[in-house]
Amino acid sequence: MQEVKHSPQAYILKTKSGQWAWELHLGDELYQAGAGYDSEGDAINGMYESTSDRFESVNIVLTPEAGK
């Protein structure tokens, strides 16, 4: 049976405090996360800085708010 590889999914979230965060998932598992960013662009850049040495590409999913 061939192993199924999932593309990493990065969820860009706006927190209840108004800051931005990211969560990187591999399949259904949370792999890594970061928080405390002023904008969604800053969160995306932070995610790439933290993960670029491990992944060639990441699917980005923008979500309007977290915790609703």
Protein backbone atom coordinates (compact mmCIF):
# COMPACT_ATOMS: atom_id res chain seq x y z
CA MET A 1 0.00 0.00 0.00
CA GLN A 2 1.40 3.41 -0.99
CA GLU A 3 1.72 6.05 1.72
CA VAL A 4 -0.52 9.09 1.21
CA LYS A 5 1.34 12.35 1.73
CA HIS A 6 -0.59 15.44 2.70
CA SER A 7 0.43 18.94 1.67
CA PRO A 8 0.94 21.12 4.72
CA GLN A 9 -2.00 23.46 5.37
CA ALA A 10 -1.36 26.78 7.11
CA TYR A 11 -4.40 28.41 8.69
CA ILE A 12 -4.04 32.16 9.16
CA LEU A 13 -6.33 33.18 12.02
CA LYS A 14 -7.45 36.45 13.58
CA THR A 15 -7.62 35.93 17.33
CA LYS A 16 -10.20 37.37 19.70
CA SER A 17 -7.61 39.93 20.86
CA GLY A 18 -7.30 41.23 17.27
CA GLN A 19 -3.84 39.83 16.66
CA TRP A 20 -3.02 37.29 13.96
CA ALA A 21 -1.73 33.75 14.30
CA TRP A 22 -0.92 30.73 12.16
CA GLU A 23 -1.32 27.00 12.60
CA LEU A 24 0.47 24.54 10.34
CA HIS A 25 -1.29 21.18 9.97
CA LEU A 26 -0.01 17.97 8.41
CA GLY A 27 -3.08 15.96 7.61
CA ASP A 28 -5.28 16.20 10.69
CA GLU A 29 -2.39 16.93 13.07
CA LEU A 30 -1.26 20.33 14.32
CA TYR A 31 2.45 20.46 13.51
CA GLN A 32 3.53 23.97 14.54
CA ALA A 33 1.98 27.34 15.37
CA GLY A 34 2.86 30.98 15.94
CA ALA A 35 0.94 33.97 17.31
CA GLY A 36 1.12 37.66 18.20
CA TYR A 37 1.33 39.18 14.72
CA ASP A 38 -0.05 42.61 13.82
CA SER A 39 -1.40 41.61 10.40
CA GLU A 40 -2.21 38.53 8.36
CA GLY A 41 0.80 39.33 6.15
CA ASP A 42 3.08 39.32 9.19
CA ALA A 43 1.60 35.95 10.26
CA ILE A 44 2.20 34.48 6.78
CA ASN A 45 5.79 35.77 6.78
CA GLY A 46 6.36 34.37 10.27
CA MET A 47 5.02 30.98 9.20
CA TYR A 48 7.34 30.89 6.17
CA GLU A 49 10.35 31.95 8.26
CA SER A 50 9.62 29.18 10.76
CA THR A 51 8.97 26.39 8.24
CA SER A 52 10.81 27.17 4.99
CA ASP A 53 13.66 24.79 5.78
CA ARG A 54 11.24 21.82 6.07
CA PHE A 55 8.62 22.32 3.34
CA GLU A 56 8.81 23.20 -0.34
CA SER A 57 5.27 24.54 -0.43
CA VAL A 58 2.41 25.19 1.97
CA ASN A 59 -1.29 25.66 1.20
CA ILE A 60 -2.50 28.83 2.94
CA VAL A 61 -6.07 29.09 4.25
CA LEU A 62 -7.18 32.53 5.41
CA THR A 63 -9.87 32.54 8.09
CA PRO A 64 -11.59 35.73 9.28
CA GLU A 65 -11.56 35.00 13.00
CA ALA A 66 -10.48 32.33 15.43
CA GLY A 67 -12.54 30.89 18.24
CA LYS A 68 -16.05 31.56 16.88
